[in-house]
Protein backbone atom coordinates (compact mmCIF):
# COMPACT_ATOMS: atom_id res chain seq x y z
CA MET A 1 125.96 122.76 99.35
CA SER A 2 124.28 122.03 102.95
CA ASN A 3 124.94 118.46 103.75
CA GLN A 4 121.27 117.83 103.05
CA ARG A 5 119.42 118.87 99.97
CA HIS A 6 115.85 117.93 98.37
CA VAL A 7 115.04 118.25 95.17
CA ASP A 8 112.27 117.68 92.53
CA VAL A 9 114.42 115.78 90.12
CA ALA A 10 118.13 114.44 90.45
CA ILE A 11 119.80 113.94 87.18
CA ILE A 12 123.04 111.64 87.55
CA GLY A 13 125.12 112.38 84.21
CA ALA A 14 125.84 115.67 82.43
CA GLY A 15 126.73 113.96 78.88
CA THR A 16 124.28 114.15 76.13
CA ALA A 17 121.24 111.98 77.63
CA GLY A 18 121.80 114.00 80.69
CA MET A 19 121.96 117.49 79.19
CA ARG A 20 118.50 116.95 77.25
CA SER A 21 116.92 115.37 80.75
CA TYR A 22 117.99 118.62 82.12
CA ARG A 23 116.48 120.85 79.55
CA GLU A 24 113.16 119.34 79.69
CA VAL A 25 113.02 119.43 83.64
CA SER A 26 114.57 122.78 84.18
CA ALA A 27 111.80 124.11 81.71
CA GLN A 28 109.00 122.88 84.33
CA THR A 29 110.68 123.31 87.60
CA ASP A 30 113.67 125.10 89.39
CA SER A 31 114.34 122.33 91.67
CA VAL A 32 116.73 120.34 89.85
CA LEU A 33 119.93 119.04 90.25
CA LEU A 34 122.56 117.68 87.64
CA ILE A 35 124.96 115.56 89.26
CA ASP A 36 128.44 114.69 87.34
CA PRO A 37 132.06 114.33 88.35
CA GLY A 38 133.28 115.48 85.34
CA PRO A 39 135.05 115.95 82.94
CA TYR A 40 131.83 117.40 81.15
CA GLY A 41 132.15 117.26 77.56
CA THR A 42 129.89 114.47 76.42
CA THR A 43 131.42 111.12 75.14
CA CYS A 44 130.68 112.07 71.36
CA ALA A 45 132.30 115.25 71.69
CA ARG A 46 135.20 114.34 73.61
CA VAL A 47 136.41 110.93 72.50
CA GLY A 48 133.64 109.75 70.28
CA CYS A 49 131.78 110.66 67.10
CA MET A 50 133.87 114.03 66.49
CA PRO A 51 137.65 113.06 67.24
CA SER A 52 137.13 110.24 65.69
CA LYS A 53 135.79 111.64 62.20
CA LEU A 54 138.36 114.17 62.47
CA LEU A 55 140.90 111.06 62.40
CA ILE A 56 139.19 109.73 59.51
CA ALA A 57 138.83 112.98 57.57
CA ALA A 58 142.69 113.47 57.31
CA ALA A 59 142.66 109.51 56.57
CA GLU A 60 140.47 110.08 53.91
CA ALA A 61 142.39 113.21 52.31
CA ALA A 62 145.89 110.69 52.72
CA HIS A 63 144.15 108.17 50.95
CA PHE A 64 142.61 109.43 47.96
CA GLY A 65 145.69 110.98 46.31
CA LYS A 66 146.93 107.40 46.10
CA HIS A 67 143.83 106.33 43.95
CA THR A 68 143.44 108.62 40.89
CA ASP A 69 145.28 106.50 38.54
CA VAL A 70 142.27 105.32 37.44
CA PHE A 71 141.19 109.18 36.08
CA GLY A 72 144.87 109.43 34.45
CA ILE A 73 145.76 111.76 37.48
CA THR A 74 148.72 111.00 39.54
CA TYR A 75 149.90 112.63 42.85
CA ASP A 76 153.04 112.14 44.66
CA ALA A 77 153.09 110.28 47.48
CA PRO A 78 151.29 111.91 50.48
CA LYS A 79 153.92 113.41 53.12
CA ILE A 80 151.83 112.71 56.25
CA ASP A 81 152.74 114.90 59.07
CA GLY A 82 151.29 112.76 62.32
CA ALA A 83 152.12 115.60 64.67
CA GLN A 84 150.02 118.03 62.21
CA VAL A 85 147.34 115.49 62.20
CA MET A 86 146.79 115.18 65.43
CA LYS A 87 147.16 118.47 66.41
CA ARG A 88 143.83 119.39 64.35
CA ILE A 89 142.22 116.56 65.93
CA ARG A 90 142.88 117.93 69.07
CA SER A 91 141.99 121.36 68.37
CA GLU A 92 138.73 120.77 66.99
CA ARG A 93 137.73 118.28 69.69
CA ASP A 94 138.60 121.02 72.20
CA ARG A 95 136.47 123.28 69.91
CA PHE A 96 133.53 120.98 70.30
CA VAL A 97 133.74 120.08 73.93
CA GLY A 98 133.85 123.84 74.35
CA PHE A 99 130.22 124.13 73.10
CA VAL A 100 129.21 121.68 75.56
CA LEU A 101 130.85 123.26 78.44
CA GLU A 102 129.69 127.14 77.51
CA ALA A 103 126.22 124.98 77.24
CA VAL A 104 126.57 123.90 81.51
CA ASP A 105 128.40 126.95 82.50
CA SER A 106 125.42 128.68 81.49
CA TRP A 107 122.70 127.01 83.85
CA PRO A 108 122.73 127.98 87.21
CA GLU A 109 125.35 126.91 89.69
CA SER A 110 122.74 125.81 92.15
CA HIS A 111 121.50 123.39 89.36
CA ARG A 112 124.86 121.83 89.22
CA SER A 113 126.99 119.66 91.61
CA ASN A 114 130.44 118.57 90.42
CA ALA A 115 130.34 114.81 92.37
CA SER A 116 129.44 111.26 92.01
CA ALA A 117 126.27 109.55 92.94
CA THR A 118 125.47 106.35 94.92
CA PHE A 119 121.76 105.31 95.63
CA ILE A 120 121.36 104.88 99.50
CA SER A 121 117.74 104.01 98.45
CA ASP A 122 114.90 104.76 96.13
CA HIS A 123 115.19 108.43 96.88
CA GLU A 124 118.14 109.37 98.39
CA LEU A 125 121.59 109.49 96.90
CA ARG A 126 125.15 110.19 98.86
CA LEU A 127 127.31 112.34 97.00
CA SER A 128 131.19 111.86 96.94
CA ASP A 129 131.40 115.57 98.29
CA GLY A 130 130.03 114.34 101.60
CA SER A 131 126.28 115.61 100.75
CA THR A 132 122.98 113.95 100.76
CA VAL A 133 120.80 114.70 98.12
CA THR A 134 116.91 113.36 98.71
CA ALA A 135 114.81 113.44 95.40
CA ASP A 136 111.06 112.99 94.26
CA ARG A 137 111.92 111.74 90.60
CA ILE A 138 115.40 110.76 89.22
CA VAL A 139 117.09 110.08 85.84
CA ILE A 140 120.12 107.66 85.40
CA ALA A 141 121.84 109.03 82.66
CA THR A 142 125.72 107.89 82.97
CA GLY A 143 126.82 106.69 79.83
CA SER A 144 129.39 103.97 79.14
CA ARG A 145 132.77 103.37 78.95
CA SER A 146 135.12 101.12 76.86
CA ASN A 147 134.82 97.16 77.81
CA VAL A 148 138.21 95.73 78.30
CA PRO A 149 138.27 92.29 79.36
CA ALA A 150 140.75 91.30 81.68
CA MET A 151 142.52 88.81 79.15
CA PHE A 152 144.12 92.31 77.77
CA ASN A 153 145.95 93.32 80.71
CA ASP A 154 148.73 91.48 79.76
CA PHE A 155 149.51 94.24 77.46
CA GLY A 156 150.01 96.74 80.49
CA ASP A 157 150.73 100.54 79.95
CA ARG A 158 150.66 99.66 76.19
CA LEU A 159 147.03 98.95 76.08
CA ILE A 160 145.19 101.69 74.90
CA VAL A 161 140.99 102.61 74.19
CA ASN A 162 139.79 105.00 71.73
CA ASP A 163 139.72 107.61 74.28
CA ASP A 164 143.41 107.43 74.01
CA ILE A 165 144.36 107.98 70.82
CA PHE A 166 142.65 111.76 70.93
CA GLU A 167 145.52 112.82 73.10
CA TRP A 168 148.28 111.13 70.98
CA ASN A 169 150.66 114.27 70.22
CA THR A 170 151.95 112.08 66.75
CA LEU A 171 151.11 108.73 65.16
CA PRO A 172 152.62 105.67 66.31
CA GLN A 173 154.59 103.59 63.91
CA SER A 174 152.11 100.49 64.54
CA VAL A 175 149.10 99.38 66.43
CA ALA A 176 147.46 96.22 66.89
CA VAL A 177 143.34 96.61 66.90
CA PHE A 178 141.20 93.71 68.70
CA GLY A 179 137.74 94.10 67.92
CA ALA A 180 135.82 94.66 64.56
CA GLY A 181 132.82 96.35 65.63
CA VAL A 182 132.15 99.88 64.71
CA ILE A 183 135.25 101.40 66.91
CA GLY A 184 137.77 98.76 65.92
CA LEU A 185 136.95 98.93 62.19
CA GLU A 186 137.05 103.04 61.71
CA LEU A 187 139.90 103.78 63.88
CA GLY A 188 141.62 100.69 62.43
CA GLN A 189 141.25 101.33 58.64
CA ALA A 190 141.96 105.17 59.47
CA LEU A 191 145.30 104.82 61.34
CA HIS A 192 146.27 101.90 58.40
CA ARG A 193 145.90 105.15 55.75
CA LEU A 194 147.59 107.26 57.88
CA GLY A 195 150.87 105.20 57.54
CA VAL A 196 150.29 103.34 60.68
CA ARG A 197 151.16 99.54 60.36
CA VAL A 198 147.76 98.06 61.79
CA THR A 199 146.41 94.49 62.18
CA LEU A 200 142.97 94.21 62.56
CA PHE A 201 141.87 90.90 64.92
CA GLY A 202 138.30 90.05 64.81
CA ARG A 203 136.32 87.22 65.86
CA ASP A 204 133.70 85.04 64.71
CA HIS A 205 133.90 86.90 61.48
CA LEU A 206 131.63 89.57 62.72
CA ILE A 207 132.00 92.96 60.74
CA GLY A 208 130.60 96.01 62.52
CA PRO A 209 126.77 96.02 63.21
CA LEU A 210 126.06 93.65 60.62
CA THR A 211 123.86 90.59 60.43
CA ASP A 212 122.92 89.55 57.33
CA PRO A 213 125.54 86.25 56.06
CA ASN A 214 125.99 88.04 52.44
CA MET A 215 126.62 91.47 53.75
CA MET A 216 129.19 90.02 56.21
CA LYS A 217 130.78 88.44 53.76
CA ALA A 218 130.70 91.26 51.38
CA ALA A 219 132.39 93.62 53.82
CA GLU A 220 134.88 90.90 55.02
CA ALA A 221 136.64 90.77 51.86
CA ILE A 222 136.53 94.45 50.93
CA PHE A 223 138.45 94.93 54.03
CA LYS A 224 140.58 92.55 53.80
CA ASP A 225 141.83 93.25 50.84
CA GLU A 226 142.84 96.99 51.70
CA PHE A 227 144.60 95.88 55.24
CA ASP A 228 145.83 93.21 57.20
CA PHE A 229 142.29 92.08 58.84
CA LEU A 230 141.80 88.43 60.70
CA PRO A 231 138.07 88.21 60.59
CA HIS A 232 138.57 85.13 63.34
CA ALA A 233 141.95 85.41 64.81
CA GLU A 234 142.94 83.01 67.35
CA VAL A 235 145.57 84.69 69.61
CA THR A 236 147.38 82.52 71.81
CA ARG A 237 149.68 84.95 73.76
CA ARG A 238 149.96 88.43 74.49
CA THR A 239 152.39 90.05 76.34
CA ARG A 240 154.36 93.29 77.28
CA THR A 241 157.44 94.43 75.63
CA GLU A 242 160.16 96.59 76.32
CA ASP A 243 158.83 98.68 73.46
CA GLY A 244 155.51 97.72 73.18
CA VAL A 245 153.55 94.67 72.59
CA GLN A 246 154.11 91.39 70.98
CA ILE A 247 151.21 88.76 69.93
CA ASP A 248 151.16 85.18 68.85
CA TYR A 249 148.24 83.96 66.14
CA LEU A 250 147.39 81.11 64.07
CA VAL A 251 146.90 81.50 60.64
CA ASP A 252 146.09 78.02 59.18
CA GLY A 253 147.36 76.32 62.26
CA VAL A 254 150.97 77.51 61.84
CA THR A 255 152.07 80.45 64.87
CA GLN A 256 152.56 83.80 64.10
CA THR A 257 154.73 86.30 66.02
CA ALA A 258 153.90 90.26 65.53
CA ASP A 259 155.18 93.37 67.75
CA PHE A 260 153.60 96.61 67.55
CA ASP A 261 153.64 99.81 69.64
CA PHE A 262 150.30 99.75 70.84
CA ALA A 263 147.30 97.40 71.32
CA LEU A 264 143.88 99.27 70.97
CA VAL A 265 141.32 97.36 72.49
CA ALA A 266 137.94 98.27 70.21
CA THR A 267 135.86 95.16 71.98
CA GLY A 268 132.37 97.16 73.10
CA ARG A 269 131.47 99.34 75.60
CA ARG A 270 129.46 99.03 78.75
CA PRO A 271 126.95 101.05 80.45
CA ASN A 272 128.52 103.07 83.89
CA VAL A 273 126.37 101.34 86.49
CA GLU A 274 128.75 99.92 88.90
CA GLY A 275 129.05 101.85 92.07
CA LEU A 276 125.81 103.58 91.37
CA GLY A 277 124.28 101.53 94.48
CA LEU A 278 121.31 100.02 92.08
CA GLU A 279 121.32 97.26 94.56
CA ASN A 280 119.99 99.74 97.38
CA THR A 281 117.10 100.35 95.11
CA SER A 282 113.77 98.33 94.72
CA LEU A 283 114.62 98.27 90.90
CA THR A 284 114.86 94.98 89.00
CA LEU A 285 118.37 94.88 87.47
CA ASP A 286 119.11 92.75 84.14
CA GLU A 287 122.43 90.30 84.39
CA ARG A 288 124.70 93.37 83.77
CA GLY A 289 123.11 95.42 86.75
CA VAL A 290 121.03 97.44 84.43
CA PRO A 291 117.76 98.49 85.36
CA LEU A 292 114.76 97.05 83.62
CA PHE A 293 112.55 99.86 81.81
CA ASP A 294 110.15 100.71 79.33
CA VAL A 295 111.49 101.97 75.91
CA HIS A 296 108.54 104.39 75.59
CA ASN A 297 109.11 106.05 78.35
CA GLY A 298 112.32 105.31 80.13
CA ARG A 299 110.73 104.23 83.20
CA SER A 300 112.01 101.51 85.22
CA GLY A 301 109.14 99.28 86.20
CA ASP A 302 106.47 101.30 88.01
CA SER A 303 108.85 103.66 89.72
CA HIS A 304 109.88 106.99 89.78
CA ILE A 305 113.42 106.27 88.63
CA PHE A 306 113.83 106.81 84.87
CA ILE A 307 116.99 105.95 82.65
CA ALA A 308 118.37 107.26 79.31
CA GLY A 309 121.10 107.16 77.05
CA ASP A 310 124.13 104.69 76.67
CA ALA A 311 123.66 103.51 80.21
CA ASN A 312 120.73 101.59 79.41
CA ASN A 313 122.71 99.21 77.08
CA ARG A 314 120.32 99.59 74.07
CA PHE A 315 122.44 101.76 71.25
CA PRO A 316 125.43 104.08 72.01
CA LEU A 317 124.22 106.38 69.79
CA LEU A 318 123.91 110.34 70.01
CA HIS A 319 120.64 111.28 68.47
CA GLU A 320 119.33 107.91 70.75
CA ALA A 321 120.53 109.33 73.66
CA ALA A 322 118.92 112.89 72.84
CA ASP A 323 115.62 111.53 72.33
CA GLU A 324 115.65 109.24 75.58
CA GLY A 325 116.84 112.00 77.49
CA PHE A 326 113.89 114.44 76.10
CA VAL A 327 111.75 111.13 76.98
CA ALA A 328 113.06 110.83 80.47
CA GLY A 329 113.45 114.46 81.56
CA TYR A 330 109.62 115.12 80.45
CA ASN A 331 108.18 112.03 82.06
CA ALA A 332 110.70 113.00 85.20
CA ALA A 333 109.25 116.35 85.30
CA ALA A 334 105.41 115.65 84.94
CA TYR A 335 105.54 112.56 86.91
CA PRO A 336 103.27 111.04 87.74
CA ASP A 337 101.84 111.53 84.34
CA VAL A 338 104.38 109.51 82.71
CA ARG A 339 103.52 109.44 78.96
CA ARG A 340 104.91 107.01 76.06
CA PHE A 341 106.27 108.07 73.09
CA VAL A 342 106.88 106.72 69.34
CA LYS A 343 110.74 105.48 68.82
CA SER A 344 112.30 106.56 65.66
CA SER A 345 113.02 104.21 63.02
CA PRO A 346 116.58 102.55 64.04
CA ILE A 347 119.16 104.08 62.22
CA SER A 348 122.85 103.12 62.71
CA VAL A 349 125.94 103.99 60.34
CA VAL A 350 129.88 102.88 60.45
CA PHE A 351 132.03 105.60 58.68
CA THR A 352 134.38 103.14 57.24
CA ASP A 353 135.31 103.34 53.45
CA PRO A 354 132.76 102.07 52.17
CA GLN A 355 130.60 102.91 54.85
CA ILE A 356 128.30 100.70 56.57
CA MET A 357 124.60 101.33 57.37
CA MET A 358 121.87 99.55 58.77
CA VAL A 359 118.03 100.73 58.91
CA GLY A 360 114.75 99.36 60.29
CA GLU A 361 114.46 95.77 60.97
CA THR A 362 118.00 93.51 60.82
CA TYR A 363 118.03 90.39 59.15
CA ARG A 364 119.11 88.55 62.06
CA GLY A 365 116.23 90.22 63.90
CA LEU A 366 113.58 89.16 61.39
CA THR A 367 114.97 85.64 61.25
CA GLU A 368 114.86 85.25 65.10
CA ARG A 369 111.14 86.35 64.80
CA ALA A 370 110.05 83.93 61.95
CA ALA A 371 109.26 86.94 59.79
CA GLU A 372 107.84 86.26 55.87
CA PHE A 373 110.28 88.43 54.21
CA ALA A 374 111.85 88.75 50.83
CA VAL A 375 115.04 89.59 49.79
CA GLY A 376 116.26 92.48 47.41
CA GLU A 377 119.61 93.41 46.78
CA VAL A 378 122.67 95.75 44.36
CA ASP A 379 125.62 94.61 43.81
CA TRP A 380 127.39 98.22 43.72
CA SER A 381 130.27 97.06 41.03
CA ASP A 382 128.02 97.26 38.64
CA GLN A 383 125.86 100.27 39.64
CA GLY A 384 126.28 103.61 37.20
CA ARG A 385 127.46 106.25 39.03
CA ALA A 386 129.14 104.34 41.40
CA ARG A 387 131.78 103.44 38.51
CA VAL A 388 132.17 106.87 37.57
CA MET A 389 133.46 107.74 40.76
CA ASN A 390 135.82 104.34 40.89
CA VAL A 391 133.80 103.51 44.43
CA ASN A 392 131.72 100.84 43.15
CA LYS A 393 132.33 98.35 46.17
CA GLY A 394 129.79 96.65 47.88
CA LEU A 395 126.23 95.47 48.63
CA LEU A 396 122.82 96.64 49.57
CA ARG A 397 120.40 94.43 50.83
CA VAL A 398 116.73 95.25 51.28
CA TYR A 399 113.87 93.36 53.20
CA GLY A 400 110.15 93.61 52.66
CA GLU A 401 106.93 91.88 54.00
CA ARG A 402 105.40 89.13 51.95
CA ASN A 403 101.56 89.48 51.45
CA THR A 404 102.00 93.40 52.48
CA GLY A 405 104.94 94.30 50.58
CA ALA A 406 106.05 96.27 53.68
CA PHE A 407 109.88 97.90 53.71
CA LEU A 408 111.05 96.35 56.95
CA GLY A 409 114.86 97.13 56.83
CA ALA A 410 118.27 97.41 55.27
CA GLU A 411 122.11 96.45 55.39
CA MET A 412 124.65 97.80 53.20
CA VAL A 413 128.22 98.40 52.45
CA GLY A 414 128.90 100.34 49.96
CA PRO A 415 129.41 104.48 48.86
CA ARG A 416 127.64 106.89 50.70
CA ALA A 417 125.74 104.87 52.93
CA GLU A 418 125.17 107.52 55.28
CA HIS A 419 123.35 109.40 52.81
CA MET A 420 121.46 105.94 51.90
CA ALA A 421 120.25 105.37 55.24
CA HIS A 422 118.51 108.68 55.93
CA LEU A 423 116.38 108.27 52.98
CA LEU A 424 115.57 104.23 53.98
CA ALA A 425 115.14 104.97 57.56
CA TRP A 426 112.46 107.95 56.62
CA ALA A 427 110.72 105.42 54.02
CA HIS A 428 110.58 103.00 57.38
CA GLN A 429 109.55 105.28 59.56
CA SER A 430 106.86 106.57 57.16
CA ARG A 431 105.69 102.82 57.03
CA LEU A 432 105.90 102.93 53.34
CA THR A 433 105.25 99.61 51.08
CA VAL A 434 108.08 98.95 48.82
CA SER A 435 105.62 99.76 45.51
CA GLN A 436 105.38 103.29 47.00
CA MET A 437 109.04 103.96 47.63
CA LEU A 438 109.15 102.98 44.00
CA GLU A 439 106.97 105.69 42.90
CA ARG A 440 109.17 108.32 44.73
CA PRO A 441 111.63 110.15 42.01
CA PHE A 442 115.18 109.21 41.37
CA TYR A 443 117.23 111.30 39.54
CA HIS A 444 119.61 109.89 37.02
CA PRO A 445 122.55 109.67 37.71
CA VAL A 446 123.22 109.16 41.12
CA MET A 447 124.12 106.64 43.91
CA GLU A 448 120.66 106.84 45.15
CA GLU A 449 119.51 105.01 41.91
CA GLY A 450 121.10 101.58 43.65
CA ILE A 451 118.31 101.73 46.01
CA ARG A 452 115.79 101.62 43.29
CA THR A 453 117.52 98.94 41.61
CA ALA A 454 117.87 96.93 44.82
CA LEU A 455 113.86 97.93 45.65
CA ARG A 456 112.93 96.46 42.27
CA THR A 457 114.26 93.08 42.63
CA LEU A 458 112.59 93.17 46.37
CA ASN A 459 109.48 94.04 44.65
CA ARG A 460 110.07 90.89 41.95
CA ALA A 461 110.91 88.67 44.96
CA LEU A 462 107.64 89.94 46.69
CA GLU A 463 105.34 88.92 44.03
CA MET A 464 103.90 92.47 43.85
CA GLY A 465 104.07 92.62 40.37
CA ALA A 466 105.90 95.28 38.12
CA PRO A 467 106.66 98.44 39.75
CA PRO A 468 103.77 101.16 39.36
CA PRO A 469 103.98 103.69 36.43
CA PRO A 470 103.29 107.12 37.37
CA ARG A 471 99.79 108.13 38.61
CA CYS A 472 97.34 109.17 36.16
CA LEU A 473 95.85 112.75 36.96
CA ASP A 474 92.51 112.02 34.55
CA CYS A 475 91.82 108.54 34.80
CA GLY A 476 89.02 107.37 36.59
CA PRO A 477 88.81 104.60 39.39
CA GLY A 478 91.00 101.45 38.11
CA GLY A 479 92.16 103.56 35.05
């Protein structure tokens, strides 16, 4: 590459959002540059969604054989080969990453720069290879990384984040997990089920992304029943020892001391915007240094700069990053003809057991905007198919708007929540009322009948009358 270059569009970051932006831009112009220092592979494939689900799959296999006696079936205690568990995880992880690398390698070499970028001005970027790029439009898609508060530095080289787990050659004996968010819950429970001694240190009784107090209480009870989980831990000392880490914490005012091989810090993620030189641009930044932007077009203010994916600090989810990458790429290519796009209904899933899901508006969001809403619920302990399968744990809460009967959202901890989430997200995006949802078919006996039970209680709470009967084809108006 020459020391100076001009392109129509420069894309900073080759993760899910950046790759999707590239596809949209390159379909419209050959004057495009995708800038990323590597390694390529996307957060999802390399250290996120896929390797974590591989770990969880192994954990579920180990867990299943220990809990079949209720059916009159007993297995010998599972023998967990930590080296083999991690070998499969790394092998399959590398396979997923390989697909991403193949895609990037298939793009013209002139479209790629294996470097990092820093803004010199609104249109100029200085690359770490010593070159300068001037771009008419720019997409920021730099992703995110694990957030590690400074207080955890006391753990020294025994401090790990989720990325590090997937490089293990075998499983350790013990791990302290800090943070009961999505990553902490998923990895903490999975490691526990694989025979690792785990203590999960939470804060403020927060459980994953849940916001409904009833949901949080139900989820806390479920996870505390399975493994050592302190939902509001008061840690008084953290230190690196010769063989691992040592932690002092209070339980009912009494100091407890515990030793672990590693301390997994899972206290959220932060956008990769430091070092981009955004202070050298005219963009308006928020308190975390992220450009303010329109969620419907990805554009920062009225500028030619767009932002997509985890870098925008909204939802660190692959499908969101892909959608935002499309929007940013489309608008960067079409600029100044910038268009706004409809956002999909919010949907999130936590792959614990039982799973957690959230759809549409949250309980906290509805409360904060003073919405007039009612709540319906089902307790999975009494749901027919859930009892048959011996997975009858959890709670589903659904929210509906008073006066209109519109379905607003849901929060759940319970069996097969990933599937429930899609049904409810489609209903939410289709703007169905609770009554209209109850007109849809529910097979028997299936878990999804639990949704119908919750909707029926919500319909009564909304005072919308009895659930509608099947529609009469031969009846006249009102018949």
